[in-house]
Amino acid sequence: MAPYFLRNLVPQKEKRAEARPLLSVLAEVTWVQWALFFSGWLAWTCDAIDFFAVSLSVSRLQVQFNKKTNDITTAITLTLLFRTVGAIIFGVLSDRFGRKWPLVGNLALISLLQLGGGFVQTFRQFLALRSLFGIGMGGIWGLAASTALENLPVEARGLASGVLQQGYAVGYLLAACINLRLVPETKETWRSLFWTAAGISMFAAGVRALLPESEVFLKAKAIEKAKGTDTSKKTKIFIKETGEMLKRHWLLCIYAVLLMTGFNFLSHGSQDLYPTYLQTSKNFSPHNATVATIIGNCGAIAGGAFAGYISQYIGRRLTIVIFVLWIGAFIPLWILPSSFGPLSAGAFFIQFGVQGAWGVIPIQLAEMSPPAFRATFPGVAYQLGNMVSSAASQIEAKGGENLKTTIIKGGKPTVVADYATVQGILIGVVAAFVIFITIIGPEKHGSHFEKHKTAFEEGAARDDAVMEEDVIAGHHDLRDDSVDEKKEHV
């Protein structure tokens, strides 16, 4: 008989026995729930616009600061390294104070840092600001996912997860469109992309500020208030509960980080250096490289929504495995051709697979998380994976510079960096790892995580239970003392 983790990949009908039709569920979603979902999606879109502003500007930043490709990608690495710090800070704030104002503050922060990035004059200033920017970016994903998903019905979360995650592809697409049309028409070039991205992030902060707090969080707070729970020690309770969670779920924590390491290598390895790869190894013009990037992101948007939808029926892990196998099938089309048409098709199909697999991740992480940490756990796991994979673009840049190929440029054979071979090898190895780590992992398809208490409530409830036991024990002691006194009197 096959091992349990393999048998468990097969869709189980009983998990869908009580599920309602998707269209009926969507018709019941209120405008507030839709608005909260949109605000989470928009926040994640802004994250992508701000991040990929560097990837799309590598060649211009090389000229601006007189640096090599490998030097410029250091900014990408630093941003990814510091995102874990932001995930911890804003994740704790969200589980402690609610979803609304931590996300508003987070978006305002990245807006200001992105705006400042457009004014730097030296490479050191640029690296320092992108490092600080990484802290701000680190908080967005966890807050956006909890805001968007926890208020929706269970039956809609698969599709919603796919659409939410593709906010990242939409952000990349918008950044590419700005880079294609606005940047060449302004004398500030790459700086105008940064400033525009900052304005969009501030707009997203305004949208979230106009909407109410998460209904799930408010209900939890109301129950807590009705019980008369002492909230003055919430931070202390949260720290204590975090320690208990790590003791109980340490293996799950390690697994989540490994899973997100593979996924982040998959996305950053196929995206961060893609425009540079096309311009250097395939001799594309900046315009054609940007258009190919846009086509790839159209595939990403389609893949994410489709994968999220079918994961509601065939399960989360099986959907991920199918889409990662799809990636492996299209790697040759992604790196072997030299003309625009086939390479653009390769970009479309590769990103359909990459972001299709990614489309399942928000709901997969939310369902497998310890319920009391459903904002902190996914965000921190995601950003720790980001930290481990932060050198993806530098690995490709360095590997491409060491591995050369010859192309015809200006009618003459020219030796250039072979980014195609390096990216093909990296993505192939990472895809195999993601399939393995996905198959051996857990799945809680259809989990009603919104019904569980937060860490603060669980800790407070546990403390109340302990106090109640102490009171009962005290009554027993008093009663026993009374009996003893009567015996002595007799």
Protein backbone atom coordinates (compact mmCIF):
# COMPACT_ATOMS: atom_id res chain seq x y z
CA MET A 1 0.00 0.00 0.00
CA ALA A 2 1.24 3.52 -0.81
CA PRO A 3 2.37 5.78 2.06
CA TYR A 4 -0.31 7.94 3.70
CA PHE A 5 1.04 11.22 2.34
CA LEU A 6 0.71 9.85 -1.22
CA ARG A 7 -2.78 8.39 -0.65
CA ASN A 8 -3.85 11.68 0.87
CA LEU A 9 -3.11 13.47 -2.43
CA VAL A 10 -6.20 11.84 -3.93
CA PRO A 11 -9.22 14.18 -3.62
CA GLN A 12 -11.60 13.05 -0.86
CA LYS A 13 -15.31 13.42 -1.62
CA GLU A 14 -16.31 13.72 2.02
CA LYS A 15 -14.40 17.02 2.25
CA ARG A 16 -16.80 18.50 -0.31
CA ALA A 17 -19.98 16.71 0.82
CA GLU A 18 -21.43 19.78 2.55
CA ALA A 19 -19.95 22.36 0.19
CA ARG A 20 -22.39 24.71 -1.55
CA PRO A 21 -22.16 25.63 -5.27
CA LEU A 22 -19.57 28.35 -5.87
CA LEU A 23 -21.94 30.71 -7.72
CA SER A 24 -24.47 30.52 -4.87
CA VAL A 25 -21.74 31.30 -2.36
CA LEU A 26 -20.40 34.25 -4.38
CA ALA A 27 -23.93 35.68 -4.64
CA GLU A 28 -24.13 35.76 -0.83
CA VAL A 29 -20.85 37.68 -0.35
CA THR A 30 -21.62 41.21 0.92
CA TRP A 31 -20.15 44.37 -0.54
CA VAL A 32 -18.07 44.84 2.61
CA GLN A 33 -16.54 41.38 2.17
CA TRP A 34 -15.81 42.16 -1.50
CA ALA A 35 -14.30 45.50 -0.53
CA LEU A 36 -12.06 43.90 2.11
CA PHE A 37 -10.94 41.30 -0.42
CA PHE A 38 -10.17 44.05 -2.94
CA SER A 39 -8.17 46.04 -0.40
CA GLY A 40 -6.06 42.97 0.41
CA TRP A 41 -5.56 42.28 -3.30
CA LEU A 42 -4.64 45.93 -3.96
CA ALA A 43 -2.10 45.93 -1.13
CA TRP A 44 -0.40 42.87 -2.58
CA THR A 45 -0.47 44.46 -6.05
CA CYS A 46 1.33 47.52 -4.66
CA ASP A 47 3.94 45.27 -3.08
CA ALA A 48 4.75 43.87 -6.54
CA ILE A 49 4.84 47.25 -8.28
CA ASP A 50 7.27 48.58 -5.69
CA PHE A 51 9.48 45.48 -5.72
CA PHE A 52 9.75 45.00 -9.49
CA ALA A 53 10.58 48.65 -10.04
CA VAL A 54 14.21 47.58 -9.48
CA SER A 55 14.05 44.48 -11.72
CA LEU A 56 12.67 46.55 -14.60
CA SER A 57 15.29 49.27 -14.11
CA VAL A 58 18.47 47.16 -13.86
CA SER A 59 20.01 48.46 -17.10
CA ARG A 60 19.19 52.10 -16.25
CA LEU A 61 20.48 51.70 -12.69
CA GLN A 62 23.73 50.29 -14.09
CA VAL A 63 24.20 53.50 -16.04
CA GLN A 64 23.04 55.71 -13.15
CA PHE A 65 25.47 54.24 -10.61
CA ASN A 66 28.13 52.84 -12.99
CA LYS A 67 27.75 49.32 -11.62
CA LYS A 68 27.54 45.76 -13.01
CA THR A 69 24.39 43.65 -13.09
CA ASN A 70 25.60 41.63 -10.11
CA ASP A 71 26.01 44.84 -8.08
CA ILE A 72 22.52 46.11 -8.89
CA THR A 73 20.92 42.79 -7.93
CA THR A 74 22.42 43.29 -4.45
CA ALA A 75 19.54 45.73 -3.88
CA ILE A 76 17.04 42.94 -4.66
CA THR A 77 18.84 40.57 -2.28
CA LEU A 78 18.86 43.11 0.57
CA THR A 79 15.16 43.84 0.10
CA LEU A 80 14.32 40.14 0.37
CA LEU A 81 16.62 39.64 3.36
CA PHE A 82 14.95 42.33 5.45
CA ARG A 83 11.38 41.35 4.62
CA THR A 84 11.37 38.80 7.46
CA VAL A 85 11.78 41.62 9.99
CA GLY A 86 8.73 43.38 8.60
CA ALA A 87 6.70 40.16 8.57
CA ILE A 88 7.32 39.62 12.27
CA ILE A 89 6.65 43.24 13.27
CA PHE A 90 3.47 43.76 11.25
CA GLY A 91 2.21 40.21 11.75
CA VAL A 92 2.33 40.64 15.53
CA LEU A 93 0.68 44.06 15.27
CA SER A 94 -2.10 42.58 13.13
CA ASP A 95 -2.83 39.69 15.49
CA ARG A 96 -2.61 42.12 18.42
CA PHE A 97 -4.47 45.25 17.23
CA GLY A 98 -6.46 44.17 14.16
CA ARG A 99 -6.10 44.00 10.38
CA LYS A 100 -6.99 47.56 9.46
CA TRP A 101 -4.56 50.11 10.88
CA PRO A 102 -1.41 47.96 10.77
CA LEU A 103 -2.03 47.48 7.01
CA VAL A 104 -2.76 51.18 6.50
CA GLY A 105 0.47 52.11 8.28
CA ASN A 106 2.40 49.45 6.39
CA LEU A 107 1.23 50.76 2.99
CA ALA A 108 1.98 54.35 3.97
CA LEU A 109 5.48 53.32 5.04
CA ILE A 110 6.37 51.57 1.77
CA SER A 111 4.93 54.51 -0.14
CA LEU A 112 7.26 56.96 1.62
CA LEU A 113 10.29 54.68 1.22
CA GLN A 114 9.54 54.10 -2.47
CA LEU A 115 9.19 57.85 -2.95
CA GLY A 116 12.56 58.39 -1.30
CA GLY A 117 14.10 55.76 -3.58
CA GLY A 118 13.45 58.04 -6.52
CA PHE A 119 15.59 60.80 -4.98
CA VAL A 120 18.78 58.90 -4.05
CA GLN A 121 22.04 60.12 -5.59
CA THR A 122 24.56 57.42 -4.63
CA PHE A 123 24.57 53.63 -4.79
CA ARG A 124 25.06 53.37 -1.01
CA GLN A 125 21.96 55.50 -0.45
CA PHE A 126 20.05 53.29 -2.85
CA LEU A 127 21.07 50.09 -1.04
CA ALA A 128 20.28 51.56 2.38
CA LEU A 129 16.81 52.67 1.30
CA ARG A 130 16.01 49.34 -0.37
CA SER A 131 17.02 47.56 2.85
CA LEU A 132 14.59 49.70 4.87
CA PHE A 133 12.03 49.20 2.14
CA GLY A 134 12.36 45.44 2.62
CA ILE A 135 11.15 45.80 6.22
CA GLY A 136 8.04 47.63 5.00
CA MET A 137 7.38 45.12 2.23
CA GLY A 138 7.72 42.20 4.62
CA GLY A 139 4.47 42.97 6.39
CA ILE A 140 2.22 43.28 3.35
CA TRP A 141 1.62 39.66 2.38
CA GLY A 142 0.44 38.33 5.75
CA LEU A 143 -1.81 41.31 6.39
CA ALA A 144 -3.20 41.31 2.84
CA ALA A 145 -3.95 37.56 2.90
CA SER A 146 -5.72 37.63 6.28
CA THR A 147 -7.71 40.74 5.30
CA ALA A 148 -8.79 39.24 1.99
CA LEU A 149 -9.53 35.62 2.94
CA GLU A 150 -10.69 35.30 6.53
CA ASN A 151 -14.04 37.06 5.95
CA LEU A 152 -15.01 35.00 2.89
CA PRO A 153 -17.04 31.75 2.92
CA VAL A 154 -14.93 28.57 2.90
CA GLU A 155 -16.20 27.49 -0.54
CA ALA A 156 -14.94 30.72 -2.15
CA ARG A 157 -11.47 30.72 -0.62
CA GLY A 158 -9.77 28.56 -3.26
CA LEU A 159 -10.71 30.90 -6.11
CA ALA A 160 -10.11 33.94 -3.91
CA SER A 161 -6.64 32.66 -3.00
CA GLY A 162 -5.69 32.37 -6.68
CA VAL A 163 -7.00 35.83 -7.52
CA LEU A 164 -5.36 37.35 -4.45
CA GLN A 165 -1.94 35.89 -5.19
CA GLN A 166 -2.11 37.15 -8.77
CA GLY A 167 -2.25 40.67 -7.43
CA TYR A 168 1.52 40.15 -7.54
CA ALA A 169 1.42 39.39 -11.27
CA VAL A 170 -0.91 42.34 -11.86
CA GLY A 171 1.53 44.58 -9.97
CA TYR A 172 4.41 43.35 -12.12
CA LEU A 173 2.23 43.92 -15.19
CA LEU A 174 1.39 47.50 -14.15
CA ALA A 175 5.03 48.24 -13.37
CA ALA A 176 6.00 46.89 -16.80
CA CYS A 177 3.36 49.08 -18.51
CA ILE A 178 4.61 52.16 -16.64
CA ASN A 179 8.17 51.24 -17.61
CA LEU A 180 7.08 50.78 -21.22
CA ARG A 181 5.16 54.04 -21.68
CA LEU A 182 5.94 56.57 -18.95
CA VAL A 183 9.63 56.00 -18.21
CA PRO A 184 10.98 56.59 -21.77
CA GLU A 185 8.96 59.83 -22.02
CA THR A 186 10.36 61.48 -18.87
CA LYS A 187 13.81 62.91 -18.28
CA GLU A 188 13.88 61.30 -14.82
CA THR A 189 13.51 57.83 -16.49
CA TRP A 190 13.66 55.12 -13.74
CA ARG A 191 12.87 57.62 -10.98
CA SER A 192 9.42 58.30 -12.45
CA LEU A 193 8.61 54.60 -12.06
CA PHE A 194 9.48 54.75 -8.36
CA TRP A 195 7.42 57.91 -7.78
CA THR A 196 4.38 56.50 -9.59
CA ALA A 197 4.59 53.30 -7.54
CA ALA A 198 4.72 55.37 -4.34
CA GLY A 199 1.52 57.18 -5.32
CA ILE A 200 -0.34 53.91 -6.00
CA SER A 201 0.71 52.52 -2.59
CA MET A 202 -0.57 55.64 -0.82
CA PHE A 203 -3.86 55.28 -2.70
CA ALA A 204 -4.12 51.68 -1.44
CA ALA A 205 -3.55 52.91 2.13
CA GLY A 206 -6.43 55.36 1.68
CA VAL A 207 -8.74 52.63 0.37
CA ARG A 208 -8.03 50.41 3.39
CA ALA A 209 -8.50 53.33 5.80
CA LEU A 210 -12.03 53.93 4.45
CA LEU A 211 -13.10 50.32 5.05
CA PRO A 212 -14.12 48.79 8.40
CA GLU A 213 -12.07 46.42 10.52
CA SER A 214 -12.17 42.70 9.71
CA GLU A 215 -15.51 41.26 10.88
CA VAL A 216 -13.80 38.12 12.18
CA PHE A 217 -11.43 40.19 14.31
CA LEU A 218 -14.26 42.38 15.63
CA LYS A 219 -16.32 39.35 16.65
CA ALA A 220 -13.37 37.91 18.52
CA LYS A 221 -12.84 41.25 20.27
CA ALA A 222 -16.54 41.51 21.21
CA ILE A 223 -16.55 38.02 22.72
CA GLU A 224 -13.42 38.89 24.66
CA LYS A 225 -15.00 42.10 25.97
CA ALA A 226 -18.23 40.34 26.94
CA LYS A 227 -16.22 37.88 29.02
CA GLY A 228 -14.60 40.76 30.84
CA THR A 229 -11.12 39.50 29.95
CA ASP A 230 -8.24 41.64 31.14
CA THR A 231 -6.58 43.02 27.97
CA SER A 232 -3.78 44.89 29.71
CA LYS A 233 -1.39 41.94 29.41
CA LYS A 234 -2.13 40.99 25.80
CA THR A 235 1.45 41.40 24.55
CA LYS A 236 2.77 39.22 27.35
CA ILE A 237 0.10 36.62 26.58
CA PHE A 238 0.99 36.68 22.88
CA ILE A 239 4.70 36.10 23.58
CA LYS A 240 3.83 33.22 25.90
CA GLU A 241 1.47 31.69 23.33
CA THR A 242 4.11 32.02 20.60
CA GLY A 243 6.52 30.01 22.70
CA GLU A 244 3.88 27.34 23.26
CA MET A 245 3.07 27.26 19.54
CA LEU A 246 6.74 26.79 18.59
CA LYS A 247 7.07 23.90 21.06
CA ARG A 248 3.94 22.24 19.72
CA HIS A 249 4.33 23.01 15.99
CA TRP A 250 8.10 23.30 15.47
CA LEU A 251 8.10 20.68 12.71
CA LEU A 252 5.26 22.47 10.89
CA CYS A 253 7.21 25.75 11.14
CA ILE A 254 10.30 24.16 9.56
CA TYR A 255 8.19 22.59 6.83
CA ALA A 256 6.44 25.91 6.00
CA VAL A 257 9.79 27.70 5.68
CA LEU A 258 11.18 24.96 3.38
CA LEU A 259 8.02 25.09 1.26
CA MET A 260 8.22 28.86 0.92
CA THR A 261 11.94 28.72 0.19
CA GLY A 262 11.22 26.53 -2.82
CA PHE A 263 8.33 28.69 -3.98
CA ASN A 264 10.30 31.92 -3.65
CA PHE A 265 13.23 30.48 -5.60
CA LEU A 266 10.68 29.48 -8.23
CA SER A 267 9.18 32.95 -8.59
CA HIS A 268 12.27 35.12 -8.13
CA GLY A 269 14.36 32.81 -10.28
CA SER A 270 11.91 33.16 -13.16
CA GLN A 271 11.06 36.86 -12.76
CA ASP A 272 13.68 39.11 -11.17
CA LEU A 273 16.30 38.92 -13.92
CA TYR A 274 13.96 38.08 -16.81
CA PRO A 275 14.07 41.47 -18.62
CA THR A 276 17.87 41.54 -18.25
CA TYR A 277 18.09 37.96 -19.57
CA LEU A 278 16.12 38.89 -22.69
CA GLN A 279 18.18 42.01 -23.38
CA THR A 280 21.56 40.41 -22.72
CA SER A 281 21.30 36.77 -23.84
CA LYS A 282 18.62 37.16 -26.54
CA ASN A 283 19.53 40.67 -27.77
CA PHE A 284 16.02 42.06 -27.22
CA SER A 285 15.44 45.79 -27.13
CA PRO A 286 14.21 47.21 -23.79
CA HIS A 287 10.80 47.69 -25.42
CA ASN A 288 10.47 44.07 -26.59
CA ALA A 289 11.81 42.75 -23.28
CA THR A 290 9.11 44.70 -21.44
CA VAL A 291 6.39 43.48 -23.82
CA ALA A 292 7.49 39.87 -23.30
CA THR A 293 7.36 40.47 -19.54
CA ILE A 294 3.80 41.76 -19.88
CA ILE A 295 2.80 38.66 -21.87
CA GLY A 296 4.33 36.46 -19.18
CA ASN A 297 2.34 38.22 -16.49
CA CYS A 298 -0.88 37.70 -18.43
CA GLY A 299 -0.13 33.98 -18.18
CA ALA A 300 0.53 34.39 -14.47
CA ILE A 301 -2.85 36.05 -13.85
CA ALA A 302 -4.70 33.34 -15.77
CA GLY A 303 -2.79 30.52 -14.05
CA GLY A 304 -3.32 31.82 -10.53
CA ALA A 305 -7.08 32.22 -10.83
CA PHE A 306 -7.52 28.85 -12.55
CA ALA A 307 -5.36 26.95 -10.06
CA GLY A 308 -7.03 28.55 -7.06
CA TYR A 309 -10.43 27.55 -8.44
CA ILE A 310 -9.62 23.90 -9.16
CA SER A 311 -7.81 23.50 -5.83
CA GLN A 312 -11.22 23.81 -4.18
CA TYR A 313 -12.20 20.56 -5.93
CA ILE A 314 -9.04 18.46 -6.26
CA GLY A 315 -7.15 19.67 -3.20
CA ARG A 316 -4.33 22.13 -2.57
CA ARG A 317 -1.26 19.90 -2.85
CA LEU A 318 -2.37 17.99 -5.95
CA THR A 319 -3.02 21.30 -7.73
CA ILE A 320 0.47 22.54 -6.82
CA VAL A 321 2.10 19.33 -8.09
CA ILE A 322 0.23 19.49 -11.42
CA PHE A 323 1.23 23.11 -12.06
CA VAL A 324 4.88 22.58 -11.12
CA LEU A 325 5.04 19.62 -13.55
CA TRP A 326 3.64 22.05 -16.14
CA ILE A 327 6.61 24.36 -15.45
CA GLY A 328 9.09 21.57 -16.14
CA ALA A 329 7.41 20.77 -19.46
CA PHE A 330 7.81 24.35 -20.75
CA ILE A 331 11.37 25.17 -19.62
CA PRO A 332 12.79 24.39 -23.13
CA LEU A 333 10.37 26.85 -24.78
CA TRP A 334 11.36 29.43 -22.19
CA ILE A 335 15.13 29.35 -22.84
CA LEU A 336 15.94 27.74 -26.22
CA PRO A 337 14.32 30.01 -28.90
CA SER A 338 15.86 33.30 -30.00
CA SER A 339 12.91 35.10 -31.61
CA PHE A 340 10.23 37.17 -29.90
CA GLY A 341 7.20 34.95 -30.62
CA PRO A 342 8.38 31.61 -29.16
CA LEU A 343 10.11 33.25 -26.19
CA SER A 344 6.98 35.24 -25.34
CA ALA A 345 4.93 32.03 -25.54
CA GLY A 346 7.46 30.37 -23.24
CA ALA A 347 7.13 33.25 -20.78
CA PHE A 348 3.33 32.93 -20.84
CA PHE A 349 3.29 29.19 -20.17
CA ILE A 350 6.06 29.24 -17.56
CA GLN A 351 4.37 32.01 -15.59
CA PHE A 352 1.01 30.23 -15.99
CA GLY A 353 2.60 27.33 -14.11
CA VAL A 354 4.65 29.34 -11.59
CA GLN A 355 1.86 31.63 -10.52
CA GLY A 356 -0.71 28.86 -10.85
CA ALA A 357 1.15 26.92 -8.17
CA TRP A 358 1.56 30.16 -6.19
CA GLY A 359 -2.17 30.83 -6.43
CA VAL A 360 -2.84 27.97 -4.01
CA ILE A 361 -0.29 29.15 -1.43
CA PRO A 362 -2.31 31.85 0.45
CA ILE A 363 -5.13 29.44 1.30
CA GLN A 364 -2.79 26.45 1.78
CA LEU A 365 -0.73 28.37 4.35
CA ALA A 366 -3.83 29.83 6.04
CA GLU A 367 -5.37 26.37 6.40
CA MET A 368 -2.23 24.63 7.66
CA SER A 369 -1.30 27.44 10.09
CA PRO A 370 -1.92 27.15 13.82
CA PRO A 371 -5.31 28.97 13.81
CA ALA A 372 -4.38 31.39 16.59
CA PHE A 373 -1.51 32.73 14.45
CA ARG A 374 -3.24 32.96 11.09
CA ALA A 375 -1.83 36.44 10.35
CA THR A 376 1.65 36.01 11.83
CA PHE A 377 2.47 32.42 10.81
CA PRO A 378 1.88 32.64 7.01
CA GLY A 379 3.59 36.02 6.73
CA VAL A 380 6.68 35.02 8.70
CA ALA A 381 6.97 31.64 6.91
CA TYR A 382 6.64 33.39 3.55
CA GLN A 383 9.28 35.99 4.34
CA LEU A 384 11.71 33.50 5.90
CA GLY A 385 11.49 31.61 2.61
CA ASN A 386 12.11 34.91 0.87
CA MET A 387 15.19 35.46 3.01
CA VAL A 388 16.67 32.05 2.19
CA SER A 389 15.99 32.56 -1.53
CA SER A 390 17.08 36.21 -1.53
CA ALA A 391 20.23 35.47 -3.52
CA ALA A 392 18.31 33.97 -6.48
CA SER A 393 18.92 36.94 -8.77
CA GLN A 394 22.57 37.19 -7.73
CA ILE A 395 23.09 33.46 -8.33
CA GLU A 396 21.72 33.90 -11.84
CA ALA A 397 23.69 37.09 -12.45
CA LYS A 398 26.96 35.55 -11.29
CA GLY A 399 26.31 32.26 -13.07
CA GLY A 400 25.45 34.05 -16.31
CA GLU A 401 28.62 36.12 -16.17
CA ASN A 402 30.73 32.97 -15.68
CA LEU A 403 28.86 30.92 -18.29
CA LYS A 404 29.13 32.57 -21.72
CA THR A 405 27.32 32.12 -25.03
CA THR A 406 27.70 33.68 -28.48
CA ILE A 407 24.93 35.63 -30.23
CA ILE A 408 24.78 37.72 -33.41
CA LYS A 409 24.69 41.37 -32.39
CA GLY A 410 24.94 44.12 -34.98
CA GLY A 411 25.77 41.49 -37.59
CA LYS A 412 28.78 40.24 -35.63
CA PRO A 413 29.24 37.25 -33.29
CA THR A 414 29.32 38.58 -29.72
CA VAL A 415 30.10 36.75 -26.47
CA VAL A 416 27.49 37.51 -23.79
CA ALA A 417 26.37 36.16 -20.40
CA ASP A 418 24.35 32.94 -20.76
CA TYR A 419 21.46 33.69 -18.42
CA ALA A 420 19.18 31.26 -20.30
CA THR A 421 21.10 28.11 -19.33
CA VAL A 422 21.53 29.27 -15.73
CA GLN A 423 17.83 30.06 -15.32
CA GLY A 424 16.80 26.76 -16.93
CA ILE A 425 18.98 24.71 -14.57
CA LEU A 426 17.94 26.69 -11.48
CA ILE A 427 14.20 26.47 -12.19
CA GLY A 428 14.40 22.77 -13.08
CA VAL A 429 16.13 21.88 -9.81
CA VAL A 430 13.81 24.07 -7.75
CA ALA A 431 10.70 22.63 -9.44
CA ALA A 432 11.80 19.10 -8.46
CA PHE A 433 12.34 20.25 -4.86
CA VAL A 434 8.91 21.94 -4.70
CA ILE A 435 7.17 18.77 -5.92
CA PHE A 436 8.93 16.69 -3.26
CA ILE A 437 8.31 19.08 -0.37
CA THR A 438 4.66 19.53 -1.39
CA ILE A 439 3.95 15.80 -1.58
CA ILE A 440 5.30 15.03 1.90
CA GLY A 441 3.52 17.95 3.55
CA PRO A 442 0.20 18.37 5.36
CA GLU A 443 -3.10 19.62 3.97
CA LYS A 444 -6.21 20.86 5.79
CA HIS A 445 -8.46 21.45 2.81
CA GLY A 446 -11.63 23.31 3.83
CA SER A 447 -10.46 24.24 7.31
CA HIS A 448 -12.73 26.70 9.14
CA PHE A 449 -9.81 28.62 10.62
CA GLU A 450 -11.93 31.75 11.13
CA LYS A 451 -13.82 29.99 13.93
CA HIS A 452 -10.72 29.63 16.07
CA LYS A 453 -9.51 32.12 18.64
CA THR A 454 -6.46 34.32 18.20
CA ALA A 455 -3.38 33.74 20.32
CA PHE A 456 -4.41 36.56 22.68
CA GLU A 457 -7.84 35.01 23.26
CA GLU A 458 -6.47 31.51 23.68
CA GLY A 459 -3.93 32.71 26.21
CA ALA A 460 -6.50 34.77 28.09
CA ALA A 461 -8.98 31.88 28.04
CA ARG A 462 -6.30 29.54 29.37
CA ASP A 463 -5.44 32.00 32.13
CA ASP A 464 -9.15 32.33 33.00
CA ALA A 465 -9.45 28.55 33.13
CA VAL A 466 -6.46 28.32 35.44
CA MET A 467 -7.96 31.00 37.70
CA GLU A 468 -11.28 29.17 37.73
CA GLU A 469 -9.54 25.93 38.71
CA ASP A 470 -7.72 27.78 41.47
CA VAL A 471 -11.02 29.19 42.77
CA ILE A 472 -12.65 25.74 42.72
CA ALA A 473 -9.63 24.27 44.43
CA GLY A 474 -9.86 27.07 47.00
CA HIS A 475 -13.50 26.24 47.71
CA HIS A 476 -12.57 22.59 48.20
CA ASP A 477 -9.79 23.61 50.60
CA LEU A 478 -12.18 25.82 52.58
CA ARG A 479 -14.74 23.04 52.70
CA ASP A 480 -12.13 20.53 53.85
CA ASP A 481 -10.88 22.97 56.49
CA SER A 482 -14.44 23.41 57.73
CA VAL A 483 -14.91 19.65 58.03
CA ASP A 484 -11.63 19.33 59.91
CA GLU A 485 -12.66 22.10 62.31
CA LYS A 486 -15.98 20.33 63.01
CA LYS A 487 -14.18 17.05 63.68
CA GLU A 488 -11.84 18.78 66.12
CA HIS A 489 -14.81 20.47 67.87
CA VAL A 490 -16.56 17.09 68.28
